[in-house]
Amino acid sequence: MSPLRGMALKLSAVFLFVIMASLIKASSDVVPAGEAVFFRSFFALPVILGWLAFRRELSTGLRTRNPMGHLWRGMFGVSAMACGFAALGLLPLPEVTVLGYAAPIMTVIFAALLLGEKIRLVRMSAVAIGLVGVVIVMLPQLGNEELGTAARWGVALVLASATLRALAHVHIRKLVQNETTSAVVFYFAATASCLSLLTAPFGWVMPDAITASQLIGAGFIGGVAQILLTSSYRHAEAAFLAPFDYASILFALVIGYTIFDEIPTIHTLIGSVVIIGAGVLIIWRERQLGVKRGPARSNLTPQG
């Protein structure tokens, strides 16, 4: 184990996921969300396959005992990604990133409802605190008529994305009991590529050269980020690495300001602190309870 190397890999992955989201956001005025999901997933496949071949894990990555489990995980994951990508076109990057962290909070709820996990006082309190943070971030959209319906749709989409990713995470918890991480990573990218094609009749466009390069770049960067994220768990415990997910909020604030000229509101900053606090409390409690947080947690990033 090398915790510092694991931390470096995790932070690099989180940064690349924010870059990926920035590229998707930059193309959101040109291509619909379903088309962006296809590029993000399809062009990650060569990176993932190359990684598996390099590690001599191709046979492991392509072997599955539960194809329907991967299909269900893919359906929830693709829907979550599409909602998240659509939200990027309607809201500032930092806001989408912060609200995306409602997913771990929703996961606790769904794990109790669908997996029978017990929620005691600490985790119940963390869920309540996290939801308060989400409401704080949402206040400007809820209380300002001048912002229009687009911002409200953006909030609805990112919360839908967080809910769907939480459902996907519940399926991942069941999948990793019998499936390898390689299989989970590969089959999600493959399933997402296929399912996103179903949105083609609903308005796909031929992107120009710049937009196409942004989308292809998002796919490759997403694939590399996925590998770095998965590799980080080989060098450090998941409980140690989990809090570094929240570095994405800092990266999103900097990139949103420098690239998209997005100035975070005081509500976003305060809500970020509250949501991070709730998330860290959930992470700490799950570690105390011995809940296994394996490498497949990398599939629960806000960026998809």
C-alpha atoms as a PDB file:
ATOM      1  CA  MET A   1       0.000   0.000   0.000  1.00  0.00           C
ATOM      2  CA  SER A   2       1.183   3.502  -0.845  1.00  0.00           C
ATOM      3  CA  PRO A   3      -1.362   6.063   0.433  1.00  0.00           C
ATOM      4  CA  LEU A   4       0.402   9.071  -1.103  1.00  0.00           C
ATOM      5  CA  ARG A   5       0.422   7.449  -4.538  1.00  0.00           C
ATOM      6  CA  GLY A   6      -3.231   6.504  -4.112  1.00  0.00           C
ATOM      7  CA  MET A   7      -4.063  10.080  -3.145  1.00  0.00           C
ATOM      8  CA  ALA A   8      -2.191  11.457  -6.182  1.00  0.00           C
ATOM      9  CA  LEU A   9      -4.014   9.067  -8.519  1.00  0.00           C
ATOM     10  CA  LYS A  10      -7.376   9.892  -6.959  1.00  0.00           C
ATOM     11  CA  LEU A  11      -6.879  13.663  -7.199  1.00  0.00           C
ATOM     12  CA  SER A  12      -5.668  13.324 -10.805  1.00  0.00           C
ATOM     13  CA  ALA A  13      -8.771  11.309 -11.653  1.00  0.00           C
ATOM     14  CA  VAL A  14     -11.107  13.785  -9.978  1.00  0.00           C
ATOM     15  CA  PHE A  15      -9.454  16.672 -11.826  1.00  0.00           C
ATOM     16  CA  LEU A  16      -9.776  14.873 -15.169  1.00  0.00           C
ATOM     17  CA  PHE A  17     -13.457  14.173 -14.517  1.00  0.00           C
ATOM     18  CA  VAL A  18     -14.034  17.901 -14.028  1.00  0.00           C
ATOM     19  CA  ILE A  19     -12.136  18.610 -17.269  1.00  0.00           C
ATOM     20  CA  MET A  20     -14.367  16.028 -18.968  1.00  0.00           C
ATOM     21  CA  ALA A  21     -17.482  17.747 -17.611  1.00  0.00           C
ATOM     22  CA  SER A  22     -16.123  21.099 -18.845  1.00  0.00           C
ATOM     23  CA  LEU A  23     -15.741  19.710 -22.372  1.00  0.00           C
ATOM     24  CA  ILE A  24     -19.288  18.356 -22.261  1.00  0.00           C
ATOM     25  CA  LYS A  25     -20.540  21.736 -21.045  1.00  0.00           C
ATOM     26  CA  ALA A  26     -18.661  23.542 -23.834  1.00  0.00           C
ATOM     27  CA  SER A  27     -20.451  21.372 -26.431  1.00  0.00           C
ATOM     28  CA  SER A  28     -23.882  21.466 -24.759  1.00  0.00           C
ATOM     29  CA  ASP A  29     -25.170  24.275 -26.985  1.00  0.00           C
ATOM     30  CA  VAL A  30     -24.518  22.162 -30.096  1.00  0.00           C
ATOM     31  CA  VAL A  31     -25.256  18.511 -29.309  1.00  0.00           C
ATOM     32  CA  PRO A  32     -28.051  16.937 -27.226  1.00  0.00           C
ATOM     33  CA  ALA A  33     -27.268  15.107 -24.009  1.00  0.00           C
ATOM     34  CA  GLY A  34     -27.874  11.621 -25.469  1.00  0.00           C
ATOM     35  CA  GLU A  35     -25.299  12.206 -28.181  1.00  0.00           C
ATOM     36  CA  ALA A  36     -22.809  13.486 -25.595  1.00  0.00           C
ATOM     37  CA  VAL A  37     -23.354  10.295 -23.569  1.00  0.00           C
ATOM     38  CA  PHE A  38     -22.479   8.221 -26.653  1.00  0.00           C
ATOM     39  CA  PHE A  39     -19.204  10.060 -27.273  1.00  0.00           C
ATOM     40  CA  ARG A  40     -18.309   9.969 -23.569  1.00  0.00           C
ATOM     41  CA  SER A  41     -18.890   6.206 -23.396  1.00  0.00           C
ATOM     42  CA  PHE A  42     -17.803   4.950 -26.834  1.00  0.00           C
ATOM     43  CA  PHE A  43     -14.472   6.769 -26.948  1.00  0.00           C
ATOM     44  CA  ALA A  44     -13.659   5.611 -23.427  1.00  0.00           C
ATOM     45  CA  LEU A  45     -13.851   1.991 -24.595  1.00  0.00           C
ATOM     46  CA  PRO A  46     -10.464   1.900 -26.411  1.00  0.00           C
ATOM     47  CA  VAL A  47      -8.774   3.308 -23.312  1.00  0.00           C
ATOM     48  CA  ILE A  48     -10.460   0.768 -21.038  1.00  0.00           C
ATOM     49  CA  LEU A  49      -9.732  -2.159 -23.371  1.00  0.00           C
ATOM     50  CA  GLY A  50      -6.102  -1.053 -23.742  1.00  0.00           C
ATOM     51  CA  TRP A  51      -5.769  -0.861 -19.971  1.00  0.00           C
ATOM     52  CA  LEU A  52      -7.266  -4.319 -19.505  1.00  0.00           C
ATOM     53  CA  ALA A  53      -4.975  -5.744 -22.206  1.00  0.00           C
ATOM     54  CA  PHE A  54      -1.931  -4.116 -20.593  1.00  0.00           C
ATOM     55  CA  ARG A  55      -2.864  -5.680 -17.263  1.00  0.00           C
ATOM     56  CA  ARG A  56      -3.704  -8.989 -18.968  1.00  0.00           C
ATOM     57  CA  GLU A  57      -7.224  -8.780 -17.611  1.00  0.00           C
ATOM     58  CA  LEU A  58      -9.153  -8.829 -20.894  1.00  0.00           C
ATOM     59  CA  SER A  59     -10.626 -12.241 -20.202  1.00  0.00           C
ATOM     60  CA  THR A  60     -11.614 -11.132 -16.701  1.00  0.00           C
ATOM     61  CA  GLY A  61     -13.055  -7.850 -17.906  1.00  0.00           C
ATOM     62  CA  LEU A  62     -15.168  -9.525 -20.574  1.00  0.00           C
ATOM     63  CA  ARG A  63     -16.430 -12.376 -18.370  1.00  0.00           C
ATOM     64  CA  THR A  64     -19.706 -11.890 -16.533  1.00  0.00           C
ATOM     65  CA  ARG A  65     -22.105 -14.028 -14.576  1.00  0.00           C
ATOM     66  CA  ASN A  66     -24.813 -11.398 -14.386  1.00  0.00           C
ATOM     67  CA  PRO A  67     -25.483  -9.718 -17.753  1.00  0.00           C
ATOM     68  CA  MET A  68     -28.909  -8.476 -16.659  1.00  0.00           C
ATOM     69  CA  GLY A  69     -27.333  -6.852 -13.618  1.00  0.00           C
ATOM     70  CA  HIS A  70     -24.991  -4.914 -15.907  1.00  0.00           C
ATOM     71  CA  LEU A  71     -27.940  -3.959 -18.106  1.00  0.00           C
ATOM     72  CA  TRP A  72     -29.904  -2.539 -15.174  1.00  0.00           C
ATOM     73  CA  ARG A  73     -26.820  -0.742 -13.880  1.00  0.00           C
ATOM     74  CA  GLY A  74     -26.283   0.617 -17.383  1.00  0.00           C
ATOM     75  CA  MET A  75     -29.868   1.855 -17.736  1.00  0.00           C
ATOM     76  CA  PHE A  76     -29.712   3.777 -14.475  1.00  0.00           C
ATOM     77  CA  GLY A  77     -26.179   5.008 -15.196  1.00  0.00           C
ATOM     78  CA  VAL A  78     -26.946   6.181 -18.740  1.00  0.00           C
ATOM     79  CA  SER A  79     -30.088   7.992 -17.595  1.00  0.00           C
ATOM     80  CA  ALA A  80     -28.105   9.644 -14.803  1.00  0.00           C
ATOM     81  CA  MET A  81     -25.353  10.690 -17.188  1.00  0.00           C
ATOM     82  CA  ALA A  82     -27.839  12.128 -19.694  1.00  0.00           C
ATOM     83  CA  CYS A  83     -29.598  14.167 -16.993  1.00  0.00           C
ATOM     84  CA  GLY A  84     -26.258  15.399 -15.672  1.00  0.00           C
ATOM     85  CA  PHE A  85     -24.999  16.389 -19.116  1.00  0.00           C
ATOM     86  CA  ALA A  86     -28.260  18.215 -19.861  1.00  0.00           C
ATOM     87  CA  ALA A  87     -27.949  20.080 -16.554  1.00  0.00           C
ATOM     88  CA  LEU A  88     -24.454  21.258 -17.524  1.00  0.00           C
ATOM     89  CA  GLY A  89     -26.032  23.272 -20.323  1.00  0.00           C
ATOM     90  CA  LEU A  90     -28.425  25.008 -17.936  1.00  0.00           C
ATOM     91  CA  LEU A  91     -26.445  25.615 -14.739  1.00  0.00           C
ATOM     92  CA  PRO A  92     -22.932  26.762 -13.790  1.00  0.00           C
ATOM     93  CA  LEU A  93     -20.351  23.985 -13.525  1.00  0.00           C
ATOM     94  CA  PRO A  94     -19.770  24.442  -9.753  1.00  0.00           C
ATOM     95  CA  GLU A  95     -23.501  24.230  -9.042  1.00  0.00           C
ATOM     96  CA  VAL A  96     -23.916  21.006 -11.014  1.00  0.00           C
ATOM     97  CA  THR A  97     -20.890  19.533  -9.236  1.00  0.00           C
ATOM     98  CA  VAL A  98     -22.134  20.470  -5.767  1.00  0.00           C
ATOM     99  CA  LEU A  99     -25.698  19.257  -6.331  1.00  0.00           C
ATOM    100  CA  GLY A 100     -24.297  16.033  -7.779  1.00  0.00           C
ATOM    101  CA  TYR A 101     -23.098  15.141  -4.306  1.00  0.00           C
ATOM    102  CA  ALA A 102     -26.685  14.492  -3.331  1.00  0.00           C
ATOM    103  CA  ALA A 103     -26.019  11.029  -4.824  1.00  0.00           C
ATOM    104  CA  PRO A 104     -24.193   9.540  -1.793  1.00  0.00           C
ATOM    105  CA  ILE A 105     -26.979  10.885   0.402  1.00  0.00           C
ATOM    106  CA  MET A 106     -29.639   9.249  -1.783  1.00  0.00           C
ATOM    107  CA  THR A 107     -27.578   6.040  -1.836  1.00  0.00           C
ATOM    108  CA  VAL A 108     -27.961   5.700   1.927  1.00  0.00           C
ATOM    109  CA  ILE A 109     -31.739   5.986   1.536  1.00  0.00           C
ATOM    110  CA  PHE A 110     -31.987   3.505  -1.349  1.00  0.00           C
ATOM    111  CA  ALA A 111     -29.621   1.071   0.358  1.00  0.00           C
ATOM    112  CA  ALA A 112     -32.039   1.001   3.282  1.00  0.00           C
ATOM    113  CA  LEU A 113     -35.103   0.602   1.062  1.00  0.00           C
ATOM    114  CA  LEU A 114     -33.708  -1.876  -1.484  1.00  0.00           C
ATOM    115  CA  LEU A 115     -30.886  -3.701   0.306  1.00  0.00           C
ATOM    116  CA  GLY A 116     -32.272  -3.685   3.806  1.00  0.00           C
ATOM    117  CA  GLU A 117     -29.311  -1.766   5.269  1.00  0.00           C
ATOM    118  CA  LYS A 118     -30.110  -0.214   8.629  1.00  0.00           C
ATOM    119  CA  ILE A 119     -29.994   3.568   8.986  1.00  0.00           C
ATOM    120  CA  ARG A 120     -29.243   4.594  12.546  1.00  0.00           C
ATOM    121  CA  LEU A 121     -29.042   8.046  14.079  1.00  0.00           C
ATOM    122  CA  VAL A 122     -25.646   9.128  12.699  1.00  0.00           C
ATOM    123  CA  ARG A 123     -26.353   8.289   9.065  1.00  0.00           C
ATOM    124  CA  MET A 124     -29.925   9.580   9.341  1.00  0.00           C
ATOM    125  CA  SER A 125     -28.554  12.871  10.675  1.00  0.00           C
ATOM    126  CA  ALA A 126     -26.002  13.004   7.842  1.00  0.00           C
ATOM    127  CA  VAL A 127     -28.760  12.524   5.271  1.00  0.00           C
ATOM    128  CA  ALA A 128     -30.786  15.336   6.829  1.00  0.00           C
ATOM    129  CA  ILE A 129     -27.758  17.670   6.908  1.00  0.00           C
ATOM    130  CA  GLY A 130     -26.927  16.865   3.295  1.00  0.00           C
ATOM    131  CA  LEU A 131     -30.474  17.604   2.162  1.00  0.00           C
ATOM    132  CA  VAL A 132     -30.302  20.962   3.964  1.00  0.00           C
ATOM    133  CA  GLY A 133     -27.130  21.709   1.977  1.00  0.00           C
ATOM    134  CA  VAL A 134     -28.903  20.835  -1.279  1.00  0.00           C
ATOM    135  CA  VAL A 135     -31.779  23.182  -0.393  1.00  0.00           C
ATOM    136  CA  ILE A 136     -29.305  26.003   0.377  1.00  0.00           C
ATOM    137  CA  VAL A 137     -27.729  25.635  -3.079  1.00  0.00           C
ATOM    138  CA  MET A 138     -31.194  25.575  -4.669  1.00  0.00           C
ATOM    139  CA  LEU A 139     -32.516  28.686  -2.885  1.00  0.00           C
ATOM    140  CA  PRO A 140     -31.578  31.210  -5.618  1.00  0.00           C
ATOM    141  CA  GLN A 141     -33.422  29.158  -8.251  1.00  0.00           C
ATOM    142  CA  LEU A 142     -36.453  28.615  -6.023  1.00  0.00           C
ATOM    143  CA  GLY A 143     -36.799  32.190  -4.859  1.00  0.00           C
ATOM    144  CA  ASN A 144     -35.862  34.297  -7.897  1.00  0.00           C
ATOM    145  CA  GLU A 145     -38.405  34.570 -10.690  1.00  0.00           C
ATOM    146  CA  GLU A 146     -35.914  36.437 -12.918  1.00  0.00           C
ATOM    147  CA  LEU A 147     -33.759  33.345 -13.314  1.00  0.00           C
ATOM    148  CA  GLY A 148     -36.462  31.738 -15.443  1.00  0.00           C
ATOM    149  CA  THR A 149     -37.426  28.137 -15.930  1.00  0.00           C
ATOM    150  CA  ALA A 150     -34.109  27.034 -17.459  1.00  0.00           C
ATOM    151  CA  ALA A 151     -32.295  27.195 -14.106  1.00  0.00           C
ATOM    152  CA  ARG A 152     -35.130  25.326 -12.406  1.00  0.00           C
ATOM    153  CA  TRP A 153     -34.994  22.631 -15.077  1.00  0.00           C
ATOM    154  CA  GLY A 154     -31.266  22.451 -14.512  1.00  0.00           C
ATOM    155  CA  VAL A 155     -31.758  21.862 -10.781  1.00  0.00           C
ATOM    156  CA  ALA A 156     -34.413  19.224 -11.476  1.00  0.00           C
ATOM    157  CA  LEU A 157     -32.145  17.440 -13.955  1.00  0.00           C
ATOM    158  CA  VAL A 158     -29.085  17.357 -11.710  1.00  0.00           C
ATOM    159  CA  LEU A 159     -31.163  16.073  -8.778  1.00  0.00           C
ATOM    160  CA  ALA A 160     -32.675  13.436 -11.068  1.00  0.00           C
ATOM    161  CA  SER A 161     -29.135  12.539 -12.111  1.00  0.00           C
ATOM    162  CA  ALA A 162     -28.071  12.201  -8.468  1.00  0.00           C
ATOM    163  CA  THR A 163     -31.080   9.995  -7.702  1.00  0.00           C
ATOM    164  CA  LEU A 164     -30.452   7.740 -10.699  1.00  0.00           C
ATOM    165  CA  ARG A 165     -26.734   7.469  -9.869  1.00  0.00           C
ATOM    166  CA  ALA A 166     -27.681   6.464  -6.350  1.00  0.00           C
ATOM    167  CA  LEU A 167     -29.838   3.676  -7.785  1.00  0.00           C
ATOM    168  CA  ALA A 168     -26.923   2.676 -10.028  1.00  0.00           C
ATOM    169  CA  HIS A 169     -24.652   2.573  -6.991  1.00  0.00           C
ATOM    170  CA  VAL A 170     -27.063   0.253  -5.192  1.00  0.00           C
ATOM    171  CA  HIS A 171     -26.885  -2.081  -8.209  1.00  0.00           C
ATOM    172  CA  ILE A 172     -23.080  -1.845  -8.164  1.00  0.00           C
ATOM    173  CA  ARG A 173     -23.048  -2.908  -4.512  1.00  0.00           C
ATOM    174  CA  LYS A 174     -24.926  -6.039  -5.574  1.00  0.00           C
ATOM    175  CA  LEU A 175     -22.817  -6.575  -8.721  1.00  0.00           C
ATOM    176  CA  VAL A 176     -19.427  -6.476  -7.022  1.00  0.00           C
ATOM    177  CA  GLN A 177     -20.409  -9.413  -4.853  1.00  0.00           C
ATOM    178  CA  ASN A 178     -19.926 -11.697  -7.876  1.00  0.00           C
ATOM    179  CA  GLU A 179     -18.412  -9.488 -10.601  1.00  0.00           C
ATOM    180  CA  THR A 180     -14.914  -8.052 -10.953  1.00  0.00           C
ATOM    181  CA  THR A 181     -14.247  -4.322 -11.050  1.00  0.00           C
ATOM    182  CA  SER A 182     -12.904  -4.754 -14.599  1.00  0.00           C
ATOM    183  CA  ALA A 183     -16.216  -6.228 -15.709  1.00  0.00           C
ATOM    184  CA  VAL A 184     -18.222  -3.459 -14.041  1.00  0.00           C
ATOM    185  CA  VAL A 185     -16.114  -0.752 -15.700  1.00  0.00           C
ATOM    186  CA  PHE A 186     -16.091  -2.358 -19.164  1.00  0.00           C
ATOM    187  CA  TYR A 187     -19.742  -3.350 -19.364  1.00  0.00           C
ATOM    188  CA  PHE A 188     -20.934   0.032 -18.207  1.00  0.00           C
ATOM    189  CA  ALA A 189     -19.037   1.767 -21.011  1.00  0.00           C
ATOM    190  CA  ALA A 190     -20.277  -0.818 -23.529  1.00  0.00           C
ATOM    191  CA  THR A 191     -23.876  -0.687 -22.310  1.00  0.00           C
ATOM    192  CA  ALA A 192     -23.874   3.110 -22.207  1.00  0.00           C
ATOM    193  CA  SER A 193     -22.576   3.260 -25.790  1.00  0.00           C
ATOM    194  CA  CYS A 194     -25.374   1.003 -27.006  1.00  0.00           C
ATOM    195  CA  LEU A 195     -28.206   2.514 -24.962  1.00  0.00           C
ATOM    196  CA  SER A 196     -27.280   6.083 -25.872  1.00  0.00           C
ATOM    197  CA  LEU A 197     -27.733   5.191 -29.558  1.00  0.00           C
ATOM    198  CA  LEU A 198     -31.455   4.845 -28.856  1.00  0.00           C
ATOM    199  CA  THR A 199     -31.610   8.637 -28.490  1.00  0.00           C
ATOM    200  CA  ALA A 200     -30.393   9.202 -32.067  1.00  0.00           C
ATOM    201  CA  PRO A 201     -33.923   9.582 -33.531  1.00  0.00           C
ATOM    202  CA  PHE A 202     -34.593  12.416 -31.079  1.00  0.00           C
ATOM    203  CA  GLY A 203     -32.351  15.017 -32.647  1.00  0.00           C
ATOM    204  CA  TRP A 204     -28.702  14.055 -32.979  1.00  0.00           C
ATOM    205  CA  VAL A 205     -26.647  16.552 -35.006  1.00  0.00           C
ATOM    206  CA  MET A 206     -23.439  16.372 -37.010  1.00  0.00           C
ATOM    207  CA  PRO A 207     -20.942  18.233 -34.807  1.00  0.00           C
ATOM    208  CA  ASP A 208     -18.394  20.614 -36.299  1.00  0.00           C
ATOM    209  CA  ALA A 209     -14.706  19.835 -35.957  1.00  0.00           C
ATOM    210  CA  ILE A 210     -14.229  21.742 -32.691  1.00  0.00           C
ATOM    211  CA  THR A 211     -17.294  20.226 -31.048  1.00  0.00           C
ATOM    212  CA  ALA A 212     -16.361  16.733 -32.235  1.00  0.00           C
ATOM    213  CA  SER A 213     -12.865  17.126 -30.802  1.00  0.00           C
ATOM    214  CA  GLN A 214     -14.362  18.265 -27.488  1.00  0.00           C
ATOM    215  CA  LEU A 215     -16.664  15.229 -27.336  1.00  0.00           C
ATOM    216  CA  ILE A 216     -13.990  12.727 -28.387  1.00  0.00           C
ATOM    217  CA  GLY A 217     -11.614  14.319 -25.896  1.00  0.00           C
ATOM    218  CA  ALA A 218     -14.254  13.962 -23.177  1.00  0.00           C
ATOM    219  CA  GLY A 219     -14.494  10.247 -23.956  1.00  0.00           C
ATOM    220  CA  PHE A 220     -10.741   9.641 -23.845  1.00  0.00           C
ATOM    221  CA  ILE A 221     -10.263  11.785 -20.734  1.00  0.00           C
ATOM    222  CA  GLY A 222     -13.181  10.044 -19.034  1.00  0.00           C
ATOM    223  CA  GLY A 223     -11.609   6.667 -19.816  1.00  0.00           C
ATOM    224  CA  VAL A 224      -8.229   7.728 -18.442  1.00  0.00           C
ATOM    225  CA  ALA A 225      -9.877   9.199 -15.347  1.00  0.00           C
ATOM    226  CA  GLN A 226     -11.755   5.948 -14.781  1.00  0.00           C
ATOM    227  CA  ILE A 227      -8.493   3.985 -14.918  1.00  0.00           C
ATOM    228  CA  LEU A 228      -6.681   6.380 -12.573  1.00  0.00           C
ATOM    229  CA  LEU A 229      -9.588   6.239 -10.157  1.00  0.00           C
ATOM    230  CA  THR A 230      -9.709   2.455 -10.177  1.00  0.00           C
ATOM    231  CA  SER A 231      -5.917   2.248  -9.864  1.00  0.00           C
ATOM    232  CA  SER A 232      -5.919   4.557  -6.846  1.00  0.00           C
ATOM    233  CA  TYR A 233      -7.730   1.883  -4.834  1.00  0.00           C
ATOM    234  CA  ARG A 234      -4.830  -0.497  -5.408  1.00  0.00           C
ATOM    235  CA  HIS A 235      -2.576   1.804  -3.374  1.00  0.00           C
ATOM    236  CA  ALA A 236      -4.805   3.033  -0.538  1.00  0.00           C
ATOM    237  CA  GLU A 237      -7.937   2.091   1.335  1.00  0.00           C
ATOM    238  CA  ALA A 238     -11.248   3.322  -0.032  1.00  0.00           C
ATOM    239  CA  ALA A 239     -12.141   5.016   3.268  1.00  0.00           C
ATOM    240  CA  PHE A 240      -8.899   7.048   3.105  1.00  0.00           C
ATOM    241  CA  LEU A 241      -9.495   8.089  -0.519  1.00  0.00           C
ATOM    242  CA  ALA A 242     -13.223   8.818  -0.351  1.00  0.00           C
ATOM    243  CA  PRO A 243     -13.021  12.409   1.009  1.00  0.00           C
ATOM    244  CA  PHE A 244     -10.781  13.446  -1.907  1.00  0.00           C
ATOM    245  CA  ASP A 245     -13.839  13.182  -4.166  1.00  0.00           C
ATOM    246  CA  TYR A 246     -14.843  16.576  -2.833  1.00  0.00           C
ATOM    247  CA  ALA A 247     -11.789  18.179  -4.436  1.00  0.00           C
ATOM    248  CA  SER A 248     -13.946  18.223  -7.564  1.00  0.00           C
ATOM    249  CA  ILE A 249     -15.901  21.121  -6.053  1.00  0.00           C
ATOM    250  CA  LEU A 250     -12.722  23.207  -5.772  1.00  0.00           C
ATOM    251  CA  PHE A 251     -11.643  22.248  -9.303  1.00  0.00           C
ATOM    252  CA  ALA A 252     -15.120  23.111 -10.630  1.00  0.00           C
ATOM    253  CA  LEU A 253     -15.067  26.505  -8.906  1.00  0.00           C
ATOM    254  CA  VAL A 254     -11.692  27.379 -10.473  1.00  0.00           C
ATOM    255  CA  ILE A 255     -12.523  26.075 -13.964  1.00  0.00           C
ATOM    256  CA  GLY A 256     -16.013  27.570 -13.900  1.00  0.00           C
ATOM    257  CA  TYR A 257     -14.563  30.984 -13.063  1.00  0.00           C
ATOM    258  CA  THR A 258     -11.585  30.927 -15.450  1.00  0.00           C
ATOM    259  CA  ILE A 259     -13.160  29.196 -18.467  1.00  0.00           C
ATOM    260  CA  PHE A 260     -16.884  29.943 -18.291  1.00  0.00           C
ATOM    261  CA  ASP A 261     -16.778  33.197 -16.293  1.00  0.00           C
ATOM    262  CA  GLU A 262     -19.069  31.654 -13.660  1.00  0.00           C
ATOM    263  CA  ILE A 263     -18.914  33.347 -10.266  1.00  0.00           C
ATOM    264  CA  PRO A 264     -20.190  31.071  -7.485  1.00  0.00           C
ATOM    265  CA  THR A 265     -23.000  32.419  -5.330  1.00  0.00           C
ATOM    266  CA  ILE A 266     -22.771  32.550  -1.557  1.00  0.00           C
ATOM    267  CA  HIS A 267     -25.514  29.904  -1.478  1.00  0.00           C
ATOM    268  CA  THR A 268     -23.330  27.548  -3.541  1.00  0.00           C
ATOM    269  CA  LEU A 269     -20.349  28.065  -1.245  1.00  0.00           C
ATOM    270  CA  ILE A 270     -22.329  27.586   1.982  1.00  0.00           C
ATOM    271  CA  GLY A 271     -24.227  24.619   0.549  1.00  0.00           C
ATOM    272  CA  SER A 272     -20.926  23.049  -0.542  1.00  0.00           C
ATOM    273  CA  VAL A 273     -19.592  23.152   3.010  1.00  0.00           C
ATOM    274  CA  VAL A 274     -22.788  21.611   4.399  1.00  0.00           C
ATOM    275  CA  ILE A 275     -22.943  18.842   1.754  1.00  0.00           C
ATOM    276  CA  ILE A 276     -19.245  18.017   2.169  1.00  0.00           C
ATOM    277  CA  GLY A 277     -19.728  17.799   5.925  1.00  0.00           C
ATOM    278  CA  ALA A 278     -22.656  15.415   5.475  1.00  0.00           C
ATOM    279  CA  GLY A 279     -20.727  13.327   2.965  1.00  0.00           C
ATOM    280  CA  VAL A 280     -17.685  13.007   5.194  1.00  0.00           C
ATOM    281  CA  LEU A 281     -19.956  12.000   8.086  1.00  0.00           C
ATOM    282  CA  ILE A 282     -21.518   9.270   5.924  1.00  0.00           C
ATOM    283  CA  ILE A 283     -18.060   8.060   4.859  1.00  0.00           C
ATOM    284  CA  TRP A 284     -16.888   7.956   8.476  1.00  0.00           C
ATOM    285  CA  ARG A 285     -20.002   6.103   9.629  1.00  0.00           C
ATOM    286  CA  GLU A 286     -19.799   3.527   6.832  1.00  0.00           C
ATOM    287  CA  ARG A 287     -16.185   2.896   7.758  1.00  0.00           C
ATOM    288  CA  GLN A 288     -17.235   2.378  11.363  1.00  0.00           C
ATOM    289  CA  LEU A 289     -19.915  -0.062  10.258  1.00  0.00           C
ATOM    290  CA  GLY A 290     -17.496  -1.910   8.005  1.00  0.00           C
ATOM    291  CA  VAL A 291     -19.463  -1.260   4.818  1.00  0.00           C
ATOM    292  CA  LYS A 292     -17.300  -2.336   1.918  1.00  0.00           C
ATOM    293  CA  ARG A 293     -16.529   0.591  -0.382  1.00  0.00           C
ATOM    294  CA  GLY A 294     -14.612  -1.098  -3.182  1.00  0.00           C
ATOM    295  CA  PRO A 295     -13.090   0.291  -6.368  1.00  0.00           C
ATOM    296  CA  ALA A 296     -16.478   0.185  -8.083  1.00  0.00           C
ATOM    297  CA  ARG A 297     -17.268   3.363  -6.127  1.00  0.00           C
ATOM    298  CA  SER A 298     -15.489   5.108  -8.985  1.00  0.00           C
ATOM    299  CA  ASN A 299     -18.651   4.660 -11.004  1.00  0.00           C
ATOM    300  CA  LEU A 300     -20.412   7.148  -8.723  1.00  0.00           C
ATOM    301  CA  THR A 301     -18.658  10.341  -9.741  1.00  0.00           C
ATOM    302  CA  PRO A 302     -20.825  13.429 -10.396  1.00  0.00           C
ATOM    303  CA  GLN A 303     -19.397  13.621 -13.877  1.00  0.00           C
ATOM    304  CA  GLY A 304     -20.620  10.210 -14.873  1.00  0.00           C
END
